[in-house]
């Protein structure tokens, strides 16, 4: 099990971690990341998977790309997105297990 001791981590790195968590703290961004769990996807595929509008998806994709969470590549007139570091999926699995799965005893 990885160490959870953050007392010896310098403040700059802790601040960077906090900014990343703040950026991830949006349901649509979490859904986009979940869609990218199987690999890269086009903007159209992300639109279809999220069921929201193109401007909304583009705004969130841009924010995640600008903060280094996503990587984009262009092929012709399509843009493909993927998660920069697959370790992010470990965090998403933990979020799902802690907050999205029904708790024992039937409470969500």
PDB file of N, CA and C in Angstrom:
ATOM      1  N   UNK A   1       0.850  -1.181   0.000  1.00  0.00           N
ATOM      2  CA  UNK A   1       0.000   0.000   0.000  1.00  0.00           C
ATOM      3  C   UNK A   1       0.896   1.246   0.000  1.00  0.00           C
ATOM      4  N   UNK A   2       0.603   2.210  -0.889  1.00  0.00           N
ATOM      5  CA  UNK A   2       1.422   3.429  -0.934  1.00  0.00           C
ATOM      6  C   UNK A   2       1.282   4.238   0.352  1.00  0.00           C
ATOM      7  N   UNK A   3       2.321   4.978   0.647  1.00  0.00           N
ATOM      8  CA  UNK A   3       2.306   5.822   1.834  1.00  0.00           C
ATOM      9  C   UNK A   3       1.304   6.964   1.660  1.00  0.00           C
ATOM     10  N   UNK A   4       0.590   7.266   2.715  1.00  0.00           N
ATOM     11  CA  UNK A   4      -0.341   8.392   2.690  1.00  0.00           C
ATOM     12  C   UNK A   4       0.199   9.561   3.500  1.00  0.00           C
ATOM     13  N   UNK A   5       1.457   9.493   3.921  1.00  0.00           N
ATOM     14  CA  UNK A   5       2.068  10.554   4.725  1.00  0.00           C
ATOM     15  C   UNK A   5       2.439  11.726   3.821  1.00  0.00           C
ATOM     16  N   UNK A   6       1.725  12.822   3.990  1.00  0.00           N
ATOM     17  CA  UNK A   6       1.996  14.022   3.200  1.00  0.00           C
ATOM     18  C   UNK A   6       2.731  15.088   4.010  1.00  0.00           C
ATOM     19  N   UNK A   7       3.080  14.767   5.246  1.00  0.00           N
ATOM     20  CA  UNK A   7       3.696  15.774   6.119  1.00  0.00           C
ATOM     21  C   UNK A   7       5.083  16.185   5.649  1.00  0.00           C
ATOM     22  N   UNK A   8       5.741  15.365   4.859  1.00  0.00           N
ATOM     23  CA  UNK A   8       7.093  15.679   4.411  1.00  0.00           C
ATOM     24  C   UNK A   8       7.144  16.147   2.955  1.00  0.00           C
ATOM     25  N   UNK A   9       5.981  16.336   2.352  1.00  0.00           N
ATOM     26  CA  UNK A   9       5.908  16.819   0.973  1.00  0.00           C
ATOM     27  C   UNK A   9       5.945  18.342   1.014  1.00  0.00           C
ATOM     28  N   UNK A  10       6.770  18.927   0.133  1.00  0.00           N
ATOM     29  CA  UNK A  10       6.877  20.389   0.171  1.00  0.00           C
ATOM     30  C   UNK A  10       5.569  21.044  -0.262  1.00  0.00           C
ATOM     31  N   UNK A  11       5.387  22.269   0.209  1.00  0.00           N
ATOM     32  CA  UNK A  11       4.126  22.987   0.003  1.00  0.00           C
ATOM     33  C   UNK A  11       3.793  23.194  -1.465  1.00  0.00           C
ATOM     34  N   UNK A  12       4.781  23.410  -2.300  1.00  0.00           N
ATOM     35  CA  UNK A  12       4.525  23.627  -3.724  1.00  0.00           C
ATOM     36  C   UNK A  12       3.895  22.391  -4.358  1.00  0.00           C
ATOM     37  N   UNK A  13       4.383  21.220  -4.017  1.00  0.00           N
ATOM     38  CA  UNK A  13       3.814  19.986  -4.569  1.00  0.00           C
ATOM     39  C   UNK A  13       2.415  19.725  -4.016  1.00  0.00           C
ATOM     40  N   UNK A  14       2.222  20.024  -2.743  1.00  0.00           N
ATOM     41  CA  UNK A  14       0.879  19.874  -2.176  1.00  0.00           C
ATOM     42  C   UNK A  14      -0.105  20.813  -2.855  1.00  0.00           C
ATOM     43  N   UNK A  15       0.327  22.037  -3.132  1.00  0.00           N
ATOM     44  CA  UNK A  15      -0.523  23.006  -3.822  1.00  0.00           C
ATOM     45  C   UNK A  15      -0.869  22.503  -5.220  1.00  0.00           C
ATOM     46  N   UNK A  16       0.096  21.929  -5.921  1.00  0.00           N
ATOM     47  CA  UNK A  16      -0.157  21.390  -7.257  1.00  0.00           C
ATOM     48  C   UNK A  16      -1.180  20.256  -7.190  1.00  0.00           C
ATOM     49  N   UNK A  17      -1.061  19.392  -6.179  1.00  0.00           N
ATOM     50  CA  UNK A  17      -2.034  18.316  -5.998  1.00  0.00           C
ATOM     51  C   UNK A  17      -3.419  18.845  -5.705  1.00  0.00           C
ATOM     52  N   UNK A  18      -3.491  19.866  -4.854  1.00  0.00           N
ATOM     53  CA  UNK A  18      -4.782  20.464  -4.518  1.00  0.00           C
ATOM     54  C   UNK A  18      -5.430  21.103  -5.749  1.00  0.00           C
ATOM     55  N   UNK A  19      -4.625  21.785  -6.571  1.00  0.00           N
ATOM     56  CA  UNK A  19      -5.176  22.397  -7.797  1.00  0.00           C
ATOM     57  C   UNK A  19      -5.711  21.329  -8.732  1.00  0.00           C
ATOM     58  N   UNK A  20      -5.021  20.223  -8.832  1.00  0.00           N
ATOM     59  CA  UNK A  20      -5.485  19.134  -9.701  1.00  0.00           C
ATOM     60  C   UNK A  20      -6.807  18.569  -9.182  1.00  0.00           C
ATOM     61  N   UNK A  21      -6.900  18.364  -7.878  1.00  0.00           N
ATOM     62  CA  UNK A  21      -8.144  17.842  -7.319  1.00  0.00           C
ATOM     63  C   UNK A  21      -9.295  18.820  -7.524  1.00  0.00           C
ATOM     64  N   UNK A  22      -9.036  20.109  -7.385  1.00  0.00           N
ATOM     65  CA  UNK A  22     -10.075  21.116  -7.643  1.00  0.00           C
ATOM     66  C   UNK A  22     -10.535  21.045  -9.093  1.00  0.00           C
ATOM     67  N   UNK A  23      -9.583  20.878 -10.002  1.00  0.00           N
ATOM     68  CA  UNK A  23      -9.927  20.807 -11.421  1.00  0.00           C
ATOM     69  C   UNK A  23     -10.776  19.567 -11.707  1.00  0.00           C
ATOM     70  N   UNK A  24     -10.486  18.467 -11.041  1.00  0.00           N
ATOM     71  CA  UNK A  24     -11.240  17.236 -11.264  1.00  0.00           C
ATOM     72  C   UNK A  24     -12.619  17.270 -10.621  1.00  0.00           C
ATOM     73  N   UNK A  25     -12.855  18.216  -9.723  1.00  0.00           N
ATOM     74  CA  UNK A  25     -14.079  18.250  -8.926  1.00  0.00           C
ATOM     75  C   UNK A  25     -15.271  18.777  -9.720  1.00  0.00           C
ATOM     76  N   UNK A  26     -15.576  18.100 -10.798  1.00  0.00           N
ATOM     77  CA  UNK A  26     -16.748  18.444 -11.600  1.00  0.00           C
ATOM     78  C   UNK A  26     -17.285  17.146 -12.203  1.00  0.00           C
ATOM     79  N   UNK A  27     -18.584  16.883 -12.064  1.00  0.00           N
ATOM     80  CA  UNK A  27     -19.137  15.616 -12.563  1.00  0.00           C
ATOM     81  C   UNK A  27     -18.865  15.354 -14.040  1.00  0.00           C
ATOM     82  N   UNK A  28     -18.939  16.381 -14.883  1.00  0.00           N
ATOM     83  CA  UNK A  28     -18.706  16.168 -16.308  1.00  0.00           C
ATOM     84  C   UNK A  28     -17.244  15.797 -16.571  1.00  0.00           C
ATOM     85  N   UNK A  29     -16.329  16.421 -15.863  1.00  0.00           N
ATOM     86  CA  UNK A  29     -14.907  16.082 -16.049  1.00  0.00           C
ATOM     87  C   UNK A  29     -14.644  14.644 -15.621  1.00  0.00           C
ATOM     88  N   UNK A  30     -15.259  14.220 -14.524  1.00  0.00           N
ATOM     89  CA  UNK A  30     -15.091  12.832 -14.098  1.00  0.00           C
ATOM     90  C   UNK A  30     -15.667  11.873 -15.132  1.00  0.00           C
ATOM     91  N   UNK A  31     -16.798  12.249 -15.720  1.00  0.00           N
ATOM     92  CA  UNK A  31     -17.416  11.399 -16.749  1.00  0.00           C
ATOM     93  C   UNK A  31     -16.527  11.322 -17.992  1.00  0.00           C
ATOM     94  N   UNK A  32     -15.944  12.447 -18.384  1.00  0.00           N
ATOM     95  CA  UNK A  32     -15.045  12.467 -19.534  1.00  0.00           C
ATOM     96  C   UNK A  32     -13.856  11.556 -19.273  1.00  0.00           C
ATOM     97  N   UNK A  33     -13.277  11.652 -18.092  1.00  0.00           N
ATOM     98  CA  UNK A  33     -12.136  10.800 -17.760  1.00  0.00           C
ATOM     99  C   UNK A  33     -12.529   9.333 -17.787  1.00  0.00           C
ATOM    100  N   UNK A  34     -13.720   9.023 -17.290  1.00  0.00           N
ATOM    101  CA  UNK A  34     -14.182   7.641 -17.317  1.00  0.00           C
ATOM    102  C   UNK A  34     -14.323   7.139 -18.755  1.00  0.00           C
ATOM    103  N   UNK A  35     -14.802   8.002 -19.648  1.00  0.00           N
ATOM    104  CA  UNK A  35     -14.928   7.621 -21.061  1.00  0.00           C
ATOM    105  C   UNK A  35     -13.566   7.350 -21.687  1.00  0.00           C
ATOM    106  N   UNK A  36     -12.541   8.017 -21.188  1.00  0.00           N
ATOM    107  CA  UNK A  36     -11.198   7.839 -21.735  1.00  0.00           C
ATOM    108  C   UNK A  36     -10.477   6.649 -21.106  1.00  0.00           C
ATOM    109  N   UNK A  37     -11.159   5.926 -20.240  1.00  0.00           N
ATOM    110  CA  UNK A  37     -10.562   4.768 -19.583  1.00  0.00           C
ATOM    111  C   UNK A  37     -10.202   3.647 -20.541  1.00  0.00           C
ATOM    112  N   UNK A  38     -10.871   3.579 -21.682  1.00  0.00           N
ATOM    113  CA  UNK A  38     -10.587   2.536 -22.667  1.00  0.00           C
ATOM    114  C   UNK A  38      -9.567   2.985 -23.706  1.00  0.00           C
ATOM    115  N   UNK A  39      -9.035   4.185 -23.552  1.00  0.00           N
ATOM    116  CA  UNK A  39      -8.073   4.714 -24.513  1.00  0.00           C
ATOM    117  C   UNK A  39      -8.534   6.057 -25.029  1.00  0.00           C
ATOM    118  N   UNK A  40      -7.897   6.489 -26.083  1.00  0.00           N
ATOM    119  CA  UNK A  40      -8.234   7.817 -26.590  1.00  0.00           C
ATOM    120  C   UNK A  40      -9.598   7.822 -27.268  1.00  0.00           C
ATOM    121  N   UNK A  41     -10.165   9.025 -27.342  1.00  0.00           N
ATOM    122  CA  UNK A  41     -11.473   9.193 -27.968  1.00  0.00           C
ATOM    123  C   UNK A  41     -11.513  10.538 -28.666  1.00  0.00           C
ATOM    124  N   UNK A  42     -12.345  10.611 -29.696  1.00  0.00           N
ATOM    125  CA  UNK A  42     -12.536  11.870 -30.407  1.00  0.00           C
ATOM    126  C   UNK A  42     -13.506  12.738 -29.623  1.00  0.00           C
ATOM    127  N   UNK A  43     -13.535  14.007 -29.970  1.00  0.00           N
ATOM    128  CA  UNK A  43     -14.494  14.920 -29.346  1.00  0.00           C
ATOM    129  C   UNK A  43     -15.916  14.419 -29.596  1.00  0.00           C
ATOM    130  N   UNK A  44     -16.197  13.942 -30.802  1.00  0.00           N
ATOM    131  CA  UNK A  44     -17.524  13.414 -31.120  1.00  0.00           C
ATOM    132  C   UNK A  44     -17.903  12.236 -30.241  1.00  0.00           C
ATOM    133  N   UNK A  45     -16.965  11.337 -29.997  1.00  0.00           N
ATOM    134  CA  UNK A  45     -17.235  10.190 -29.129  1.00  0.00           C
ATOM    135  C   UNK A  45     -17.482  10.639 -27.685  1.00  0.00           C
ATOM    136  N   UNK A  46     -16.731  11.644 -27.257  1.00  0.00           N
ATOM    137  CA  UNK A  46     -16.921  12.179 -25.907  1.00  0.00           C
ATOM    138  C   UNK A  46     -18.282  12.861 -25.807  1.00  0.00           C
ATOM    139  N   UNK A  47     -18.658  13.595 -26.852  1.00  0.00           N
ATOM    140  CA  UNK A  47     -19.988  14.226 -26.879  1.00  0.00           C
ATOM    141  C   UNK A  47     -21.080  13.177 -26.747  1.00  0.00           C
ATOM    142  N   UNK A  48     -20.964  12.125 -27.525  1.00  0.00           N
ATOM    143  CA  UNK A  48     -21.966  11.060 -27.508  1.00  0.00           C
ATOM    144  C   UNK A  48     -22.033  10.396 -26.135  1.00  0.00           C
ATOM    145  N   UNK A  49     -20.878  10.178 -25.521  1.00  0.00           N
ATOM    146  CA  UNK A  49     -20.831   9.508 -24.225  1.00  0.00           C
ATOM    147  C   UNK A  49     -21.312  10.344 -23.065  1.00  0.00           C
ATOM    148  N   UNK A  50     -21.220  11.663 -23.204  1.00  0.00           N
ATOM    149  CA  UNK A  50     -21.626  12.534 -22.093  1.00  0.00           C
ATOM    150  C   UNK A  50     -23.049  13.048 -22.247  1.00  0.00           C
ATOM    151  N   UNK A  51     -23.526  13.147 -23.493  1.00  0.00           N
ATOM    152  CA  UNK A  51     -24.870  13.641 -23.724  1.00  0.00           C
ATOM    153  C   UNK A  51     -25.038  15.130 -23.458  1.00  0.00           C
ATOM    154  N   UNK A  52     -23.954  15.883 -23.529  1.00  0.00           N
ATOM    155  CA  UNK A  52     -24.049  17.323 -23.305  1.00  0.00           C
ATOM    156  C   UNK A  52     -23.676  18.051 -24.597  1.00  0.00           C
ATOM    157  N   UNK A  53     -23.556  19.352 -24.527  1.00  0.00           N
ATOM    158  CA  UNK A  53     -23.321  20.148 -25.728  1.00  0.00           C
ATOM    159  C   UNK A  53     -21.843  20.230 -26.083  1.00  0.00           C
ATOM    160  N   UNK A  54     -21.582  20.501 -27.356  1.00  0.00           N
ATOM    161  CA  UNK A  54     -20.208  20.610 -27.839  1.00  0.00           C
ATOM    162  C   UNK A  54     -19.439  21.737 -27.145  1.00  0.00           C
ATOM    163  N   UNK A  55     -20.025  22.935 -26.980  1.00  0.00           N
ATOM    164  CA  UNK A  55     -19.274  23.984 -26.283  1.00  0.00           C
ATOM    165  C   UNK A  55     -18.924  23.607 -24.839  1.00  0.00           C
ATOM    166  N   UNK A  56     -19.842  22.937 -24.168  1.00  0.00           N
ATOM    167  CA  UNK A  56     -19.602  22.518 -22.788  1.00  0.00           C
ATOM    168  C   UNK A  56     -18.453  21.512 -22.715  1.00  0.00           C
ATOM    169  N   UNK A  57     -18.491  20.501 -23.572  1.00  0.00           N
ATOM    170  CA  UNK A  57     -17.427  19.494 -23.600  1.00  0.00           C
ATOM    171  C   UNK A  57     -16.100  20.145 -23.977  1.00  0.00           C
ATOM    172  N   UNK A  58     -16.111  21.000 -24.981  1.00  0.00           N
ATOM    173  CA  UNK A  58     -14.864  21.648 -25.415  1.00  0.00           C
ATOM    174  C   UNK A  58     -14.241  22.477 -24.298  1.00  0.00           C
ATOM    175  N   UNK A  59     -15.075  23.163 -23.544  1.00  0.00           N
ATOM    176  CA  UNK A  59     -14.559  23.968 -22.434  1.00  0.00           C
ATOM    177  C   UNK A  59     -13.855  23.085 -21.402  1.00  0.00           C
ATOM    178  N   UNK A  60     -14.485  21.986 -21.031  1.00  0.00           N
ATOM    179  CA  UNK A  60     -13.895  21.103 -20.026  1.00  0.00           C
ATOM    180  C   UNK A  60     -12.660  20.380 -20.559  1.00  0.00           C
ATOM    181  N   UNK A  61     -12.699  19.954 -21.819  1.00  0.00           N
ATOM    182  CA  UNK A  61     -11.525  19.322 -22.414  1.00  0.00           C
ATOM    183  C   UNK A  61     -10.347  20.299 -22.417  1.00  0.00           C
ATOM    184  N   UNK A  62     -10.617  21.539 -22.784  1.00  0.00           N
ATOM    185  CA  UNK A  62      -9.565  22.551 -22.806  1.00  0.00           C
ATOM    186  C   UNK A  62      -8.961  22.786 -21.433  1.00  0.00           C
ATOM    187  N   UNK A  63      -9.785  22.837 -20.418  1.00  0.00           N
ATOM    188  CA  UNK A  63      -9.280  23.040 -19.062  1.00  0.00           C
ATOM    189  C   UNK A  63      -8.412  21.871 -18.613  1.00  0.00           C
ATOM    190  N   UNK A  64      -8.849  20.668 -18.917  1.00  0.00           N
ATOM    191  CA  UNK A  64      -8.061  19.496 -18.519  1.00  0.00           C
ATOM    192  C   UNK A  64      -6.770  19.387 -19.331  1.00  0.00           C
ATOM    193  N   UNK A  65      -6.828  19.773 -20.584  1.00  0.00           N
ATOM    194  CA  UNK A  65      -5.620  19.775 -21.415  1.00  0.00           C
ATOM    195  C   UNK A  65      -4.632  20.838 -20.926  1.00  0.00           C
ATOM    196  N   UNK A  66      -5.134  22.030 -20.645  1.00  0.00           N
ATOM    197  CA  UNK A  66      -4.276  23.124 -20.192  1.00  0.00           C
ATOM    198  C   UNK A  66      -3.592  22.812 -18.869  1.00  0.00           C
ATOM    199  N   UNK A  67      -4.230  22.008 -18.047  1.00  0.00           N
ATOM    200  CA  UNK A  67      -3.658  21.659 -16.739  1.00  0.00           C
ATOM    201  C   UNK A  67      -2.846  20.369 -16.790  1.00  0.00           C
ATOM    202  N   UNK A  68      -2.680  19.817 -17.980  1.00  0.00           N
ATOM    203  CA  UNK A  68      -1.810  18.659 -18.137  1.00  0.00           C
ATOM    204  C   UNK A  68      -2.426  17.325 -17.803  1.00  0.00           C
ATOM    205  N   UNK A  69      -3.740  17.281 -17.630  1.00  0.00           N
ATOM    206  CA  UNK A  69      -4.404  16.015 -17.330  1.00  0.00           C
ATOM    207  C   UNK A  69      -4.634  15.223 -18.615  1.00  0.00           C
ATOM    208  N   UNK A  70      -4.966  15.923 -19.694  1.00  0.00           N
ATOM    209  CA  UNK A  70      -5.218  15.284 -20.984  1.00  0.00           C
ATOM    210  C   UNK A  70      -4.172  15.690 -22.009  1.00  0.00           C
ATOM    211  N   UNK A  71      -3.986  14.828 -22.975  1.00  0.00           N
ATOM    212  CA  UNK A  71      -3.139  15.093 -24.130  1.00  0.00           C
ATOM    213  C   UNK A  71      -4.028  15.004 -25.362  1.00  0.00           C
ATOM    214  N   UNK A  72      -3.855  15.938 -26.279  1.00  0.00           N
ATOM    215  CA  UNK A  72      -4.644  15.947 -27.507  1.00  0.00           C
ATOM    216  C   UNK A  72      -3.728  15.754 -28.709  1.00  0.00           C
ATOM    217  N   UNK A  73      -4.250  15.078 -29.711  1.00  0.00           N
ATOM    218  CA  UNK A  73      -3.541  14.976 -30.987  1.00  0.00           C
ATOM    219  C   UNK A  73      -4.563  15.154 -32.096  1.00  0.00           C
ATOM    220  N   UNK A  74      -4.117  15.777 -33.155  1.00  0.00           N
ATOM    221  CA  UNK A  74      -4.987  16.035 -34.299  1.00  0.00           C
ATOM    222  C   UNK A  74      -4.638  15.054 -35.412  1.00  0.00           C
ATOM    223  N   UNK A  75      -5.689  14.521 -36.015  1.00  0.00           N
ATOM    224  CA  UNK A  75      -5.543  13.651 -37.183  1.00  0.00           C
ATOM    225  C   UNK A  75      -6.593  14.101 -38.187  1.00  0.00           C
ATOM    226  N   UNK A  76      -6.133  14.796 -39.207  1.00  0.00           N
ATOM    227  CA  UNK A  76      -7.068  15.382 -40.160  1.00  0.00           C
ATOM    228  C   UNK A  76      -7.871  16.458 -39.462  1.00  0.00           C
ATOM    229  N   UNK A  77      -9.192  16.328 -39.529  1.00  0.00           N
ATOM    230  CA  UNK A  77     -10.035  17.326 -38.864  1.00  0.00           C
ATOM    231  C   UNK A  77     -10.579  16.835 -37.522  1.00  0.00           C
ATOM    232  N   UNK A  78     -10.057  15.715 -37.031  1.00  0.00           N
ATOM    233  CA  UNK A  78     -10.505  15.189 -35.746  1.00  0.00           C
ATOM    234  C   UNK A  78      -9.421  15.384 -34.690  1.00  0.00           C
ATOM    235  N   UNK A  79      -9.870  15.642 -33.460  1.00  0.00           N
ATOM    236  CA  UNK A  79      -8.960  15.754 -32.327  1.00  0.00           C
ATOM    237  C   UNK A  79      -9.231  14.574 -31.411  1.00  0.00           C
ATOM    238  N   UNK A  80      -8.167  13.885 -31.062  1.00  0.00           N
ATOM    239  CA  UNK A  80      -8.245  12.736 -30.164  1.00  0.00           C
ATOM    240  C   UNK A  80      -7.665  13.128 -28.821  1.00  0.00           C
ATOM    241  N   UNK A  81      -8.348  12.721 -27.743  1.00  0.00           N
ATOM    242  CA  UNK A  81      -7.894  13.010 -26.388  1.00  0.00           C
ATOM    243  C   UNK A  81      -7.577  11.709 -25.670  1.00  0.00           C
ATOM    244  N   UNK A  82      -6.574  11.779 -24.810  1.00  0.00           N
ATOM    245  CA  UNK A  82      -6.257  10.656 -23.929  1.00  0.00           C
ATOM    246  C   UNK A  82      -5.745  11.219 -22.616  1.00  0.00           C
ATOM    247  N   UNK A  83      -5.785  10.402 -21.580  1.00  0.00           N
ATOM    248  CA  UNK A  83      -5.275  10.791 -20.273  1.00  0.00           C
ATOM    249  C   UNK A  83      -3.754  10.710 -20.303  1.00  0.00           C
ATOM    250  N   UNK A  84      -3.100  11.748 -19.805  1.00  0.00           N
ATOM    251  CA  UNK A  84      -1.634  11.798 -19.821  1.00  0.00           C
ATOM    252  C   UNK A  84      -1.022  10.692 -18.970  1.00  0.00           C
ATOM    253  N   UNK A  85      -1.537  10.501 -17.759  1.00  0.00           N
ATOM    254  CA  UNK A  85      -0.958   9.517 -16.842  1.00  0.00           C
ATOM    255  C   UNK A  85      -2.038   8.523 -16.427  1.00  0.00           C
ATOM    256  N   UNK A  86      -1.888   7.254 -16.801  1.00  0.00           N
ATOM    257  CA  UNK A  86      -2.912   6.251 -16.484  1.00  0.00           C
ATOM    258  C   UNK A  86      -3.114   6.029 -14.987  1.00  0.00           C
ATOM    259  N   UNK A  87      -2.197   6.490 -14.145  1.00  0.00           N
ATOM    260  CA  UNK A  87      -2.390   6.357 -12.696  1.00  0.00           C
ATOM    261  C   UNK A  87      -3.629   7.128 -12.236  1.00  0.00           C
ATOM    262  N   UNK A  88      -4.068   8.078 -13.040  1.00  0.00           N
ATOM    263  CA  UNK A  88      -5.275   8.834 -12.721  1.00  0.00           C
ATOM    264  C   UNK A  88      -6.480   7.909 -12.607  1.00  0.00           C
ATOM    265  N   UNK A  89      -6.472   6.803 -13.342  1.00  0.00           N
ATOM    266  CA  UNK A  89      -7.591   5.870 -13.285  1.00  0.00           C
ATOM    267  C   UNK A  89      -7.671   5.175 -11.927  1.00  0.00           C
ATOM    268  N   UNK A  90      -6.536   5.047 -11.231  1.00  0.00           N
ATOM    269  CA  UNK A  90      -6.564   4.514  -9.867  1.00  0.00           C
ATOM    270  C   UNK A  90      -7.343   5.460  -8.956  1.00  0.00           C
ATOM    271  N   UNK A  91      -7.126   6.761  -9.128  1.00  0.00           N
ATOM    272  CA  UNK A  91      -7.857   7.758  -8.353  1.00  0.00           C
ATOM    273  C   UNK A  91      -9.346   7.704  -8.680  1.00  0.00           C
ATOM    274  N   UNK A  92      -9.688   7.587  -9.961  1.00  0.00           N
ATOM    275  CA  UNK A  92     -11.094   7.506 -10.359  1.00  0.00           C
ATOM    276  C   UNK A  92     -11.765   6.268  -9.775  1.00  0.00           C
ATOM    277  N   UNK A  93     -11.042   5.146  -9.739  1.00  0.00           N
ATOM    278  CA  UNK A  93     -11.599   3.921  -9.154  1.00  0.00           C
ATOM    279  C   UNK A  93     -11.861   4.120  -7.661  1.00  0.00           C
ATOM    280  N   UNK A  94     -10.967   4.814  -6.994  1.00  0.00           N
ATOM    281  CA  UNK A  94     -11.149   5.087  -5.573  1.00  0.00           C
ATOM    282  C   UNK A  94     -12.353   6.006  -5.347  1.00  0.00           C
ATOM    283  N   UNK A  95     -12.495   7.029  -6.170  1.00  0.00           N
ATOM    284  CA  UNK A  95     -13.657   7.928  -6.073  1.00  0.00           C
ATOM    285  C   UNK A  95     -14.941   7.130  -6.278  1.00  0.00           C
ATOM    286  N   UNK A  96     -14.947   6.264  -7.281  1.00  0.00           N
ATOM    287  CA  UNK A  96     -16.136   5.437  -7.536  1.00  0.00           C
ATOM    288  C   UNK A  96     -16.437   4.551  -6.338  1.00  0.00           C
ATOM    289  N   UNK A  97     -15.412   3.880  -5.802  1.00  0.00           N
ATOM    290  CA  UNK A  97     -15.624   2.962  -4.682  1.00  0.00           C
ATOM    291  C   UNK A  97     -16.101   3.691  -3.428  1.00  0.00           C
ATOM    292  N   UNK A  98     -15.537   4.864  -3.174  1.00  0.00           N
ATOM    293  CA  UNK A  98     -15.883   5.594  -1.949  1.00  0.00           C
ATOM    294  C   UNK A  98     -17.203   6.354  -2.036  1.00  0.00           C
ATOM    295  N   UNK A  99     -17.508   6.908  -3.202  1.00  0.00           N
ATOM    296  CA  UNK A  99     -18.617   7.842  -3.279  1.00  0.00           C
ATOM    297  C   UNK A  99     -19.728   7.461  -4.239  1.00  0.00           C
ATOM    298  N   UNK A 100     -19.502   6.510  -5.115  1.00  0.00           N
ATOM    299  CA  UNK A 100     -20.498   6.228  -6.161  1.00  0.00           C
ATOM    300  C   UNK A 100     -21.120   4.853  -6.054  1.00  0.00           C
ATOM    301  N   UNK A 101     -20.530   3.958  -5.290  1.00  0.00           N
ATOM    302  CA  UNK A 101     -21.092   2.611  -5.124  1.00  0.00           C
ATOM    303  C   UNK A 101     -22.040   2.626  -3.933  1.00  0.00           C
ATOM    304  N   UNK A 102     -23.084   1.833  -3.993  1.00  0.00           N
ATOM    305  CA  UNK A 102     -23.975   1.751  -2.827  1.00  0.00           C
ATOM    306  C   UNK A 102     -23.191   1.242  -1.617  1.00  0.00           C
ATOM    307  N   UNK A 103     -23.417   1.866  -0.479  1.00  0.00           N
ATOM    308  CA  UNK A 103     -22.759   1.450   0.751  1.00  0.00           C
ATOM    309  C   UNK A 103     -23.407   0.191   1.275  1.00  0.00           C
ATOM    310  N   UNK A 104     -22.688  -0.530   2.118  1.00  0.00           N
ATOM    311  CA  UNK A 104     -23.277  -1.688   2.763  1.00  0.00           C
ATOM    312  C   UNK A 104     -24.472  -1.221   3.572  1.00  0.00           C
ATOM    313  N   UNK A 105     -25.542  -1.916   3.499  1.00  0.00           N
ATOM    314  CA  UNK A 105     -26.753  -1.495   4.202  1.00  0.00           C
ATOM    315  C   UNK A 105     -27.711  -0.759   3.290  1.00  0.00           C
ATOM    316  N   UNK A 106     -27.355  -0.598   1.991  1.00  0.00           N
ATOM    317  CA  UNK A 106     -28.297  -0.057   1.026  1.00  0.00           C
ATOM    318  C   UNK A 106     -28.297   1.443   0.871  1.00  0.00           C
ATOM    319  N   UNK A 107     -27.447   2.185   1.565  1.00  0.00           N
ATOM    320  CA  UNK A 107     -27.433   3.641   1.405  1.00  0.00           C
ATOM    321  C   UNK A 107     -26.440   4.036   0.327  1.00  0.00           C
ATOM    322  N   UNK A 108     -26.800   4.967  -0.581  1.00  0.00           N
ATOM    323  CA  UNK A 108     -25.877   5.400  -1.625  1.00  0.00           C
ATOM    324  C   UNK A 108     -24.805   6.324  -1.063  1.00  0.00           C
TER     325      UNK A 108
END
